[in-house]
């Protein structure tokens, strides 16, 4: 396809992607009340026990000028639109890239997408589930005589950042498998590094989780450890398959049969 044809194809796919995001944003604007209640639920679940036990008040406050409520709703609607329309605009990106890939590259692209999407979604679900506990622990540091007033913008950013951390963390084992597939890391190297890797996972979980509660940290560290062990098993199977398809390599001090003739 000539350059002009590629540019026309790119323009067509960009228009489709932008229109899908626009439609998704309109839908997000319509379902804003339900979406806001869904995002606020971890906050409600997290502080309710504290409200009953310590008796202090904790509210979400929308700071800013007269148009703050409108801009916040528009921001949330746009975020919802990006999520709702993601199958369309991601499909347009793949539709533009795939024709340039070889058959083997296409197979790996589909495999990565089919594996990475569920892992990312699962990480987001786990992150959403641990939010109430994290919020509860963080707010518990406030004195009982203090009313906690949280910015609505800050709370939304906190929720998005937390679930994204869990989602990205769930992709780490997939990265390990790809490094092994590319020959950059072997299964034996992964086995030797396992103790230090697990320690690193728990350190990462302790830093990334929104609270100092060990239970919240375990919600992130335990799945990451299990996924890492699974990726190690996959790496072993890959190395065995690679060893069968490749001729055996000789040691440095071993004589080649060709040299003996």
Foldseek 3Di string as FASTA:
>chain_A
DDPVVLVVLVVVLVVQLVVQLVVQLVVLLVCVVVVVCLLCVLVCLQCVVVCVVLVAAEEEDADDDPCSVVVVSSVRSSVRSCVVSVVSSVVSVCVSPVVVDDPVVVVVVVVCVVPLVVLLVVLLVLLSVCSSNLSNQVVVVDDSVDYHYHYPVVSVVVSVQRSNVSSVLSCVLVVVLVCLVVVNDALVNLVVCLVVVLVVLLVCLCVRFNHNDVVSSCSRSVSSSVSNVVSSVVRNVSVVVVPVVDDDDDDPPDDDPVVVD
